[in-house]
Amino acid sequence: MPEELNDNELILRIRDGDERAFRMLVNRWRDRLVTFCSRWLGNRVDGEEVAQEVCVILYEKLHLFRGESLFSTWIYQIAVNRCRNRHGSWWNRLTRNGKRVSSVDRETSEITVVDHESSPEQSAQKSQAQAILLAAVANLPVQFREVIILRDLEDRSYDEISRITGSSEGTVKSRINRGRAMLQETLAEVRDEF
C-alpha cells in the first residue's frame, strides 16, 4: 500500500476492512498523540496511556467519522476529551497533596513534582527555559492550557481549536490571549527568582 495515501484515503480503506490501512493511520498519528497528551497531562507515561486509549477509540468509532471536519480535528477532539477525563484525577491528587510542578524534561515531557516546602536546591533545578515554560503551561487552568498547547505547541489554527474544544473562535482567541498573559506573569515571577 502506498505510503502517500492521505488520512481520508486510509479511512476509506479501513472501512472496507483493510487492517493494514488502520496500522498505517495509527503509525502516522501515534507520536503526535503521545506528544500532545504528554504535554497536556504533564508526563509521558500518562500521555502514552491516553494516546493508546485514543487509538482504541479510533478503532471502535472510526465509522462515526463523517468527514465534515479534518480528521486531525476529530482525533484531537477525542484526545482532548480523554486528557480532560484523566487530568481531573491526576491534577487533583497533586494539588490535594500539597505538591507542585518543579520542572519538565524537554525530551520526555516528564514533569518533576516536589513538595511546597522544597529546598532552594530543588527549586534551582528549574534551569532550562523550555522546561520552565512547559511547567508554567502545566500549571495553567485547563481551559487555558489546552488552547495554548493546541495553538503554540501543536500549531493548530483557531478554527480547528474551536472545533476540537467545542468553543467559539472568539472564545478560543480570548483564552489564548489570557493564557499567554498568565504565562508572562508566571515567567516574570520565575525570572525574578534567579
N, C-alpha and C. Protein backbone atom coordinates (compact mmCIF):
# COMPACT_ATOMS: atom_id res chain seq x y z
N MET A 1 0.86 -1.18 0.00
CA MET A 1 0.00 0.00 0.00
C MET A 1 0.89 1.24 0.00
N PRO A 2 0.61 2.18 -0.87
CA PRO A 2 1.46 3.38 -0.94
C PRO A 2 1.40 4.19 0.35
N GLU A 3 2.56 4.66 0.79
CA GLU A 3 2.67 5.46 2.00
C GLU A 3 2.05 6.85 1.84
N GLU A 4 1.91 7.32 0.59
CA GLU A 4 1.45 8.68 0.38
C GLU A 4 -0.07 8.84 0.46
N LEU A 5 -0.77 7.80 0.81
CA LEU A 5 -2.22 7.93 0.98
C LEU A 5 -2.51 8.91 2.11
N ASN A 6 -3.47 9.82 1.87
CA ASN A 6 -3.83 10.76 2.94
C ASN A 6 -4.77 10.08 3.93
N ASP A 7 -5.08 10.78 5.01
CA ASP A 7 -5.91 10.20 6.07
C ASP A 7 -7.26 9.74 5.54
N ASN A 8 -7.90 10.54 4.71
CA ASN A 8 -9.23 10.18 4.20
C ASN A 8 -9.19 8.93 3.32
N GLU A 9 -8.13 8.80 2.52
CA GLU A 9 -7.98 7.59 1.70
C GLU A 9 -7.77 6.36 2.57
N LEU A 10 -6.98 6.51 3.62
CA LEU A 10 -6.78 5.39 4.55
C LEU A 10 -8.10 5.02 5.23
N ILE A 11 -8.87 6.02 5.63
CA ILE A 11 -10.15 5.77 6.30
C ILE A 11 -11.08 4.98 5.39
N LEU A 12 -11.11 5.34 4.12
CA LEU A 12 -11.95 4.60 3.17
C LEU A 12 -11.51 3.14 3.09
N ARG A 13 -10.23 2.90 3.07
CA ARG A 13 -9.71 1.52 3.03
C ARG A 13 -10.01 0.77 4.33
N ILE A 14 -9.91 1.48 5.44
CA ILE A 14 -10.22 0.86 6.73
C ILE A 14 -11.68 0.43 6.75
N ARG A 15 -12.55 1.27 6.27
CA ARG A 15 -13.98 0.95 6.23
C ARG A 15 -14.28 -0.24 5.33
N ASP A 16 -13.38 -0.48 4.38
CA ASP A 16 -13.51 -1.66 3.51
C ASP A 16 -12.86 -2.90 4.12
N GLY A 17 -12.37 -2.76 5.36
CA GLY A 17 -11.81 -3.91 6.07
C GLY A 17 -10.31 -4.07 5.98
N ASP A 18 -9.60 -3.07 5.49
CA ASP A 18 -8.15 -3.14 5.33
C ASP A 18 -7.47 -2.81 6.66
N GLU A 19 -7.00 -3.84 7.36
CA GLU A 19 -6.36 -3.64 8.67
C GLU A 19 -4.99 -2.99 8.54
N ARG A 20 -4.33 -3.24 7.43
CA ARG A 20 -3.02 -2.61 7.21
C ARG A 20 -3.16 -1.09 7.11
N ALA A 21 -4.27 -0.63 6.52
CA ALA A 21 -4.53 0.81 6.44
C ALA A 21 -4.72 1.38 7.84
N PHE A 22 -5.37 0.63 8.72
CA PHE A 22 -5.54 1.11 10.10
C PHE A 22 -4.19 1.23 10.79
N ARG A 23 -3.32 0.23 10.62
CA ARG A 23 -1.98 0.31 11.23
C ARG A 23 -1.21 1.52 10.71
N MET A 24 -1.35 1.79 9.41
CA MET A 24 -0.67 2.96 8.83
C MET A 24 -1.21 4.26 9.44
N LEU A 25 -2.52 4.34 9.61
CA LEU A 25 -3.12 5.54 10.18
C LEU A 25 -2.65 5.75 11.62
N VAL A 26 -2.64 4.67 12.39
CA VAL A 26 -2.18 4.75 13.79
C VAL A 26 -0.71 5.12 13.83
N ASN A 27 0.10 4.50 12.99
CA ASN A 27 1.53 4.82 12.97
C ASN A 27 1.77 6.28 12.59
N ARG A 28 0.95 6.82 11.72
CA ARG A 28 1.07 8.21 11.31
C ARG A 28 0.76 9.16 12.47
N TRP A 29 -0.18 8.79 13.32
CA TRP A 29 -0.67 9.70 14.37
C TRP A 29 -0.13 9.40 15.76
N ARG A 30 0.42 8.23 16.00
CA ARG A 30 0.81 7.83 17.36
C ARG A 30 1.75 8.82 18.03
N ASP A 31 2.84 9.18 17.39
CA ASP A 31 3.82 10.08 18.02
C ASP A 31 3.22 11.45 18.32
N ARG A 32 2.43 11.97 17.40
CA ARG A 32 1.79 13.27 17.63
C ARG A 32 0.83 13.20 18.81
N LEU A 33 0.08 12.09 18.90
CA LEU A 33 -0.86 11.93 20.01
C LEU A 33 -0.12 11.80 21.34
N VAL A 34 0.94 11.01 21.36
CA VAL A 34 1.73 10.85 22.59
C VAL A 34 2.30 12.19 23.03
N THR A 35 2.87 12.95 22.09
CA THR A 35 3.43 14.26 22.42
C THR A 35 2.35 15.20 22.96
N PHE A 36 1.24 15.28 22.25
CA PHE A 36 0.15 16.16 22.68
C PHE A 36 -0.36 15.75 24.07
N CYS A 37 -0.67 14.48 24.25
CA CYS A 37 -1.23 14.02 25.53
C CYS A 37 -0.22 14.17 26.67
N SER A 38 1.07 13.93 26.38
CA SER A 38 2.11 14.10 27.41
C SER A 38 2.21 15.55 27.84
N ARG A 39 2.15 16.45 26.90
CA ARG A 39 2.19 17.88 27.24
C ARG A 39 0.96 18.27 28.03
N TRP A 40 -0.18 17.79 27.62
CA TRP A 40 -1.44 18.14 28.26
C TRP A 40 -1.49 17.62 29.69
N LEU A 41 -1.05 16.37 29.87
CA LEU A 41 -1.15 15.73 31.19
C LEU A 41 0.06 15.98 32.07
N GLY A 42 1.17 16.35 31.47
CA GLY A 42 2.34 16.68 32.28
C GLY A 42 3.32 15.55 32.46
N ASN A 43 3.06 14.37 31.88
CA ASN A 43 4.04 13.29 31.97
C ASN A 43 3.87 12.30 30.83
N ARG A 44 4.95 11.68 30.48
CA ARG A 44 5.00 10.79 29.31
C ARG A 44 4.20 9.51 29.52
N VAL A 45 4.25 8.93 30.71
CA VAL A 45 3.56 7.67 30.95
C VAL A 45 2.06 7.83 30.74
N ASP A 46 1.47 8.84 31.38
CA ASP A 46 0.04 9.08 31.19
C ASP A 46 -0.26 9.46 29.74
N GLY A 47 0.64 10.23 29.12
CA GLY A 47 0.45 10.61 27.73
C GLY A 47 0.40 9.40 26.81
N GLU A 48 1.28 8.43 27.04
CA GLU A 48 1.29 7.22 26.23
C GLU A 48 0.02 6.40 26.46
N GLU A 49 -0.41 6.32 27.72
CA GLU A 49 -1.63 5.57 28.02
C GLU A 49 -2.85 6.19 27.36
N VAL A 50 -2.97 7.50 27.45
CA VAL A 50 -4.12 8.17 26.85
C VAL A 50 -4.05 8.09 25.32
N ALA A 51 -2.87 8.22 24.76
CA ALA A 51 -2.73 8.08 23.30
C ALA A 51 -3.18 6.68 22.87
N GLN A 52 -2.84 5.67 23.66
CA GLN A 52 -3.28 4.31 23.36
C GLN A 52 -4.81 4.22 23.44
N GLU A 53 -5.39 4.86 24.45
CA GLU A 53 -6.86 4.88 24.57
C GLU A 53 -7.48 5.54 23.34
N VAL A 54 -6.87 6.61 22.86
CA VAL A 54 -7.38 7.30 21.67
C VAL A 54 -7.34 6.36 20.46
N CYS A 55 -6.27 5.58 20.34
CA CYS A 55 -6.17 4.63 19.22
C CYS A 55 -7.26 3.55 19.31
N VAL A 56 -7.56 3.10 20.52
CA VAL A 56 -8.63 2.12 20.70
C VAL A 56 -9.97 2.74 20.31
N ILE A 57 -10.20 3.97 20.76
CA ILE A 57 -11.44 4.67 20.40
C ILE A 57 -11.51 4.86 18.89
N LEU A 58 -10.38 5.18 18.29
CA LEU A 58 -10.32 5.33 16.85
C LEU A 58 -10.77 4.05 16.16
N TYR A 59 -10.28 2.92 16.63
CA TYR A 59 -10.64 1.63 16.05
C TYR A 59 -12.14 1.35 16.21
N GLU A 60 -12.65 1.66 17.40
CA GLU A 60 -14.06 1.36 17.69
C GLU A 60 -15.02 2.35 17.05
N LYS A 61 -14.61 3.60 16.88
CA LYS A 61 -15.55 4.67 16.49
C LYS A 61 -15.27 5.29 15.13
N LEU A 62 -14.32 4.76 14.39
CA LEU A 62 -13.98 5.38 13.11
C LEU A 62 -15.19 5.46 12.18
N HIS A 63 -16.11 4.53 12.32
CA HIS A 63 -17.30 4.56 11.48
C HIS A 63 -18.15 5.81 11.74
N LEU A 64 -17.93 6.48 12.89
CA LEU A 64 -18.68 7.69 13.21
C LEU A 64 -18.08 8.95 12.58
N PHE A 65 -16.85 8.85 12.10
CA PHE A 65 -16.21 10.00 11.46
C PHE A 65 -16.89 10.24 10.12
N ARG A 66 -17.53 11.42 9.99
CA ARG A 66 -18.31 11.72 8.79
C ARG A 66 -17.52 12.54 7.77
N GLY A 67 -16.36 13.01 8.13
CA GLY A 67 -15.56 13.78 7.19
C GLY A 67 -16.00 15.22 7.05
N GLU A 68 -16.85 15.69 7.95
CA GLU A 68 -17.31 17.08 7.91
C GLU A 68 -16.23 18.04 8.39
N SER A 69 -15.26 17.52 9.11
CA SER A 69 -14.12 18.31 9.55
C SER A 69 -12.87 17.53 9.17
N LEU A 70 -11.72 18.12 9.42
CA LEU A 70 -10.48 17.41 9.18
C LEU A 70 -10.37 16.23 10.14
N PHE A 71 -9.74 15.18 9.70
CA PHE A 71 -9.51 14.04 10.57
C PHE A 71 -8.70 14.47 11.80
N SER A 72 -7.73 15.37 11.58
CA SER A 72 -6.90 15.84 12.70
C SER A 72 -7.76 16.52 13.77
N THR A 73 -8.76 17.27 13.35
CA THR A 73 -9.66 17.92 14.31
C THR A 73 -10.40 16.87 15.12
N TRP A 74 -10.90 15.86 14.45
CA TRP A 74 -11.67 14.80 15.10
C TRP A 74 -10.81 14.04 16.11
N ILE A 75 -9.60 13.65 15.70
CA ILE A 75 -8.75 12.85 16.59
C ILE A 75 -8.23 13.68 17.76
N TYR A 76 -7.93 14.97 17.52
CA TYR A 76 -7.50 15.82 18.64
C TYR A 76 -8.66 16.07 19.60
N GLN A 77 -9.87 16.14 19.09
CA GLN A 77 -11.04 16.31 19.97
C GLN A 77 -11.17 15.10 20.89
N ILE A 78 -10.98 13.91 20.36
CA ILE A 78 -11.00 12.70 21.18
C ILE A 78 -9.88 12.77 22.22
N ALA A 79 -8.68 13.16 21.78
CA ALA A 79 -7.54 13.25 22.70
C ALA A 79 -7.77 14.26 23.81
N VAL A 80 -8.32 15.42 23.47
CA VAL A 80 -8.62 16.44 24.49
C VAL A 80 -9.60 15.89 25.51
N ASN A 81 -10.65 15.23 25.03
CA ASN A 81 -11.65 14.68 25.96
C ASN A 81 -11.05 13.62 26.87
N ARG A 82 -10.21 12.75 26.33
CA ARG A 82 -9.56 11.71 27.16
C ARG A 82 -8.60 12.36 28.16
N CYS A 83 -7.88 13.39 27.73
CA CYS A 83 -6.97 14.10 28.64
C CYS A 83 -7.75 14.79 29.75
N ARG A 84 -8.87 15.41 29.39
CA ARG A 84 -9.70 16.06 30.41
C ARG A 84 -10.15 15.05 31.45
N ASN A 85 -10.57 13.87 30.99
CA ASN A 85 -11.00 12.82 31.93
C ASN A 85 -9.86 12.38 32.83
N ARG A 86 -8.70 12.16 32.25
CA ARG A 86 -7.54 11.70 33.01
C ARG A 86 -7.02 12.80 33.92
N HIS A 87 -7.05 14.03 33.43
CA HIS A 87 -6.48 15.17 34.14
C HIS A 87 -7.09 15.38 35.50
N GLY A 88 -8.39 15.29 35.60
CA GLY A 88 -9.07 15.59 36.85
C GLY A 88 -8.47 14.84 38.02
N SER A 89 -8.32 13.54 37.88
CA SER A 89 -7.81 12.76 39.00
C SER A 89 -6.32 13.03 39.22
N TRP A 90 -5.54 13.15 38.15
CA TRP A 90 -4.10 13.38 38.31
C TRP A 90 -3.85 14.75 38.94
N TRP A 91 -4.49 15.78 38.40
CA TRP A 91 -4.24 17.13 38.88
C TRP A 91 -4.75 17.30 40.30
N ASN A 92 -5.92 16.77 40.58
CA ASN A 92 -6.46 16.88 41.94
C ASN A 92 -5.57 16.18 42.95
N ARG A 93 -5.01 15.04 42.60
CA ARG A 93 -4.08 14.35 43.51
C ARG A 93 -2.89 15.24 43.81
N LEU A 94 -2.35 15.90 42.80
CA LEU A 94 -1.18 16.76 43.03
C LEU A 94 -1.50 17.93 43.95
N THR A 95 -2.58 18.63 43.66
CA THR A 95 -2.89 19.81 44.45
C THR A 95 -3.40 19.46 45.83
N ARG A 96 -4.12 18.37 45.96
CA ARG A 96 -4.62 17.95 47.26
C ARG A 96 -3.49 17.57 48.20
N ASN A 97 -2.43 17.01 47.66
CA ASN A 97 -1.31 16.55 48.48
C ASN A 97 -0.28 17.65 48.72
N GLY A 98 -0.58 18.88 48.37
CA GLY A 98 0.34 19.98 48.62
C GLY A 98 1.61 19.92 47.79
N LYS A 99 1.52 19.35 46.60
CA LYS A 99 2.70 19.24 45.74
C LYS A 99 2.56 20.19 44.58
N ARG A 100 3.70 20.48 43.96
CA ARG A 100 3.73 21.46 42.88
C ARG A 100 4.71 21.02 41.80
N VAL A 101 4.43 21.38 40.56
CA VAL A 101 5.32 21.06 39.46
C VAL A 101 6.61 21.85 39.63
N SER A 102 7.73 21.16 39.49
CA SER A 102 9.03 21.80 39.63
C SER A 102 9.70 22.00 38.28
N SER A 103 9.69 20.99 37.45
CA SER A 103 10.33 21.11 36.14
C SER A 103 9.75 20.08 35.18
N VAL A 104 10.06 20.26 33.90
CA VAL A 104 9.61 19.34 32.87
C VAL A 104 10.80 18.97 32.00
N ASP A 105 11.01 17.68 31.79
CA ASP A 105 12.10 17.22 30.95
C ASP A 105 11.73 17.46 29.48
N ARG A 106 12.57 18.18 28.75
CA ARG A 106 12.30 18.53 27.35
C ARG A 106 12.15 17.31 26.47
N GLU A 107 12.96 16.29 26.70
CA GLU A 107 12.97 15.10 25.84
C GLU A 107 11.71 14.26 26.05
N THR A 108 11.33 14.03 27.29
CA THR A 108 10.25 13.08 27.58
C THR A 108 8.95 13.74 28.00
N SER A 109 8.94 15.03 28.20
CA SER A 109 7.79 15.77 28.73
C SER A 109 7.44 15.32 30.15
N GLU A 110 8.37 14.67 30.84
CA GLU A 110 8.15 14.18 32.20
C GLU A 110 8.22 15.36 33.17
N ILE A 111 7.25 15.46 34.03
CA ILE A 111 7.20 16.55 34.99
C ILE A 111 7.75 16.07 36.33
N THR A 112 8.60 16.87 36.95
CA THR A 112 9.10 16.59 38.29
C THR A 112 8.21 17.33 39.27
N VAL A 113 7.72 16.61 40.27
CA VAL A 113 6.82 17.18 41.26
C VAL A 113 7.51 17.18 42.61
N VAL A 114 7.48 18.32 43.29
CA VAL A 114 8.09 18.42 44.61
C VAL A 114 7.08 19.02 45.59
N ASP A 115 7.34 18.83 46.88
CA ASP A 115 6.50 19.42 47.91
C ASP A 115 6.68 20.92 47.92
N HIS A 116 5.66 21.64 48.44
CA HIS A 116 5.75 23.09 48.55
C HIS A 116 6.96 23.50 49.37
N GLU A 117 7.32 22.69 50.36
CA GLU A 117 8.45 23.03 51.19
C GLU A 117 9.77 22.52 50.61
N SER A 118 9.90 22.56 49.29
CA SER A 118 11.12 22.08 48.68
C SER A 118 12.28 23.02 49.02
N SER A 119 13.46 22.44 49.00
CA SER A 119 14.65 23.22 49.35
C SER A 119 15.02 24.15 48.20
N PRO A 120 15.83 25.16 48.49
CA PRO A 120 16.29 26.04 47.42
C PRO A 120 17.05 25.28 46.32
N GLU A 121 17.73 24.21 46.72
CA GLU A 121 18.46 23.41 45.73
C GLU A 121 17.50 22.77 44.73
N GLN A 122 16.37 22.28 45.23
CA GLN A 122 15.40 21.67 44.33
C GLN A 122 14.79 22.73 43.41
N SER A 123 14.52 23.89 43.95
CA SER A 123 13.95 24.96 43.12
C SER A 123 14.93 25.40 42.05
N ALA A 124 16.21 25.36 42.35
CA ALA A 124 17.23 25.78 41.39
C ALA A 124 17.35 24.82 40.21
N GLN A 125 16.75 23.65 40.32
CA GLN A 125 16.81 22.66 39.23
C GLN A 125 16.00 23.10 38.01
N LYS A 126 15.23 24.18 38.15
CA LYS A 126 14.47 24.71 37.01
C LYS A 126 15.40 25.54 36.13
N SER A 127 16.33 24.86 35.47
CA SER A 127 17.37 25.62 34.79
C SER A 127 17.11 25.90 33.33
N GLN A 128 16.44 25.04 32.63
CA GLN A 128 16.26 25.23 31.19
C GLN A 128 15.00 26.04 30.92
N ALA A 129 15.11 26.98 30.01
CA ALA A 129 13.98 27.87 29.70
C ALA A 129 12.77 27.10 29.20
N GLN A 130 12.96 26.12 28.37
CA GLN A 130 11.82 25.38 27.85
C GLN A 130 11.16 24.55 28.95
N ALA A 131 11.94 23.99 29.85
CA ALA A 131 11.39 23.23 30.95
C ALA A 131 10.53 24.12 31.84
N ILE A 132 11.00 25.32 32.07
CA ILE A 132 10.24 26.28 32.88
C ILE A 132 8.94 26.64 32.18
N LEU A 133 9.02 26.88 30.87
CA LEU A 133 7.82 27.21 30.12
C LEU A 133 6.81 26.08 30.16
N LEU A 134 7.26 24.84 29.93
CA LEU A 134 6.33 23.71 29.95
C LEU A 134 5.72 23.51 31.34
N ALA A 135 6.49 23.75 32.37
CA ALA A 135 5.95 23.65 33.72
C ALA A 135 4.90 24.73 33.94
N ALA A 136 5.15 25.93 33.43
CA ALA A 136 4.18 27.01 33.55
C ALA A 136 2.90 26.67 32.79
N VAL A 137 3.05 26.08 31.63
CA VAL A 137 1.87 25.65 30.86
C VAL A 137 1.11 24.59 31.65
N ALA A 138 1.82 23.66 32.25
CA ALA A 138 1.16 22.60 33.03
C ALA A 138 0.38 23.16 34.21
N ASN A 139 0.77 24.33 34.70
CA ASN A 139 0.09 24.94 35.85
C ASN A 139 -1.10 25.82 35.45
N LEU A 140 -1.27 26.05 34.16
CA LEU A 140 -2.41 26.86 33.73
C LEU A 140 -3.73 26.13 34.00
N PRO A 141 -4.79 26.86 34.26
CA PRO A 141 -6.11 26.22 34.33
C PRO A 141 -6.40 25.51 33.01
N VAL A 142 -7.15 24.44 33.08
CA VAL A 142 -7.38 23.55 31.94
C VAL A 142 -7.81 24.29 30.68
N GLN A 143 -8.77 25.19 30.77
CA GLN A 143 -9.29 25.84 29.57
C GLN A 143 -8.23 26.69 28.87
N PHE A 144 -7.25 27.19 29.61
CA PHE A 144 -6.17 27.96 29.00
C PHE A 144 -5.06 27.03 28.52
N ARG A 145 -4.77 26.01 29.31
CA ARG A 145 -3.69 25.08 28.97
C ARG A 145 -3.96 24.40 27.63
N GLU A 146 -5.18 23.90 27.44
CA GLU A 146 -5.43 23.14 26.22
C GLU A 146 -5.33 24.01 24.96
N VAL A 147 -5.79 25.25 25.03
CA VAL A 147 -5.70 26.10 23.83
C VAL A 147 -4.27 26.56 23.58
N ILE A 148 -3.50 26.79 24.63
CA ILE A 148 -2.08 27.16 24.47
C ILE A 148 -1.32 26.00 23.84
N ILE A 149 -1.56 24.79 24.32
CA ILE A 149 -0.87 23.62 23.75
C ILE A 149 -1.26 23.45 22.29
N LEU A 150 -2.56 23.52 22.01
CA LEU A 150 -3.01 23.32 20.63
C LEU A 150 -2.47 24.40 19.69
N ARG A 151 -2.45 25.65 20.14
CA ARG A 151 -2.02 26.76 19.26
C ARG A 151 -0.50 26.90 19.20
N ASP A 152 0.12 27.00 20.37
CA ASP A 152 1.54 27.35 20.41
C ASP A 152 2.48 26.15 20.32
N LEU A 153 2.04 25.00 20.79
CA LEU A 153 2.92 23.83 20.73
C LEU A 153 2.55 22.87 19.60
N GLU A 154 1.26 22.79 19.26
CA GLU A 154 0.82 21.90 18.18
C GLU A 154 0.55 22.65 16.88
N ASP A 155 0.59 23.98 16.91
CA ASP A 155 0.44 24.84 15.74
C ASP A 155 -0.88 24.63 15.00
N ARG A 156 -1.96 24.48 15.75
CA ARG A 156 -3.30 24.30 15.17
C ARG A 156 -3.92 25.68 14.90
N SER A 157 -4.79 25.75 13.91
CA SER A 157 -5.47 27.01 13.57
C SER A 157 -6.54 27.31 14.61
N TYR A 158 -6.96 28.58 14.67
CA TYR A 158 -8.03 28.97 15.59
C TYR A 158 -9.31 28.20 15.28
N ASP A 159 -9.60 28.05 14.00
CA ASP A 159 -10.80 27.34 13.59
C ASP A 159 -10.76 25.88 14.06
N GLU A 160 -9.63 25.22 13.89
CA GLU A 160 -9.51 23.83 14.31
C GLU A 160 -9.59 23.71 15.83
N ILE A 161 -8.95 24.61 16.54
CA ILE A 161 -9.01 24.59 18.01
C ILE A 161 -10.45 24.79 18.45
N SER A 162 -11.17 25.66 17.77
CA SER A 162 -12.58 25.90 18.08
C SER A 162 -13.37 24.60 17.96
N ARG A 163 -13.15 23.86 16.89
CA ARG A 163 -13.86 22.61 16.69
C ARG A 163 -13.43 21.54 17.69
N ILE A 164 -12.14 21.49 18.00
CA ILE A 164 -11.63 20.49 18.95
C ILE A 164 -12.20 20.71 20.34
N THR A 165 -12.22 21.97 20.78
CA THR A 165 -12.65 22.27 22.15
C THR A 165 -14.15 22.48 22.29
N GLY A 166 -14.83 22.69 21.15
CA GLY A 166 -16.27 22.96 21.20
C GLY A 166 -16.57 24.38 21.65
N SER A 167 -15.62 25.27 21.52
CA SER A 167 -15.79 26.68 21.90
C SER A 167 -15.79 27.54 20.64
N SER A 168 -16.38 28.72 20.73
CA SER A 168 -16.36 29.62 19.58
C SER A 168 -14.93 30.09 19.32
N GLU A 169 -14.69 30.53 18.09
CA GLU A 169 -13.37 31.01 17.73
C GLU A 169 -12.98 32.23 18.58
N GLY A 170 -13.96 33.09 18.87
CA GLY A 170 -13.69 34.25 19.72
C GLY A 170 -13.27 33.83 21.12
N THR A 171 -13.93 32.80 21.66
CA THR A 171 -13.57 32.29 22.98
C THR A 171 -12.17 31.71 22.96
N VAL A 172 -11.86 30.98 21.89
CA VAL A 172 -10.52 30.39 21.75
C VAL A 172 -9.47 31.49 21.74
N LYS A 173 -9.67 32.52 20.94
CA LYS A 173 -8.69 33.62 20.87
C LYS A 173 -8.54 34.30 22.22
N SER A 174 -9.65 34.51 22.89
CA SER A 174 -9.63 35.15 24.20
C SER A 174 -8.86 34.29 25.21
N ARG A 175 -9.12 32.99 25.18
CA ARG A 175 -8.42 32.09 26.11
C ARG A 175 -6.93 32.02 25.81
N ILE A 176 -6.58 32.04 24.54
CA ILE A 176 -5.15 32.03 24.18
C ILE A 176 -4.49 33.31 24.70
N ASN A 177 -5.12 34.45 24.48
CA ASN A 177 -4.56 35.72 24.98
C ASN A 177 -4.44 35.72 26.49
N ARG A 178 -5.48 35.26 27.18
CA ARG A 178 -5.44 35.23 28.64
C ARG A 178 -4.40 34.23 29.14
N GLY A 179 -4.32 33.07 28.48
CA GLY A 179 -3.32 32.07 28.86
C GLY A 179 -1.90 32.58 28.67
N ARG A 180 -1.67 33.27 27.56
CA ARG A 180 -0.34 33.84 27.32
C ARG A 180 -0.01 34.90 28.36
N ALA A 181 -1.00 35.71 28.74
CA ALA A 181 -0.77 36.73 29.77
C ALA A 181 -0.43 36.06 31.10
N MET A 182 -1.14 34.99 31.42
CA MET A 182 -0.85 34.26 32.66
C MET A 182 0.56 33.68 32.63
N LEU A 183 0.97 33.16 31.47
CA LEU A 183 2.32 32.62 31.33
C LEU A 183 3.36 33.72 31.51
N GLN A 184 3.11 34.89 30.94
CA GLN A 184 4.04 36.00 31.09
C GLN A 184 4.19 36.39 32.56
N GLU A 185 3.08 36.42 33.29
CA GLU A 185 3.15 36.73 34.73
C GLU A 185 3.96 35.69 35.46
N THR A 186 3.69 34.42 35.18
CA THR A 186 4.41 33.33 35.84
C THR A 186 5.88 33.37 35.51
N LEU A 187 6.19 33.57 34.25
CA LEU A 187 7.59 33.58 33.84
C LEU A 187 8.32 34.80 34.39
N ALA A 188 7.62 35.91 34.56
CA ALA A 188 8.24 37.10 35.18
C ALA A 188 8.60 36.79 36.63
N GLU A 189 7.72 36.09 37.34
CA GLU A 189 7.99 35.70 38.72
C GLU A 189 9.19 34.77 38.80
N VAL A 190 9.26 33.80 37.88
CA VAL A 190 10.37 32.86 37.86
C VAL A 190 11.68 33.58 37.55
N ARG A 191 11.63 34.51 36.58
CA ARG A 191 12.82 35.26 36.20
C ARG A 191 13.35 36.06 37.40
N ASP A 192 12.44 36.58 38.22
CA ASP A 192 12.86 37.36 39.39
C ASP A 192 13.53 36.48 40.44
N GLU A 193 13.23 35.17 40.44
CA GLU A 193 13.81 34.27 41.44
C GLU A 193 15.28 33.98 41.16
N PHE A 194 15.70 34.15 39.90
CA PHE A 194 17.08 33.79 39.54
C PHE A 194 18.00 34.97 39.56
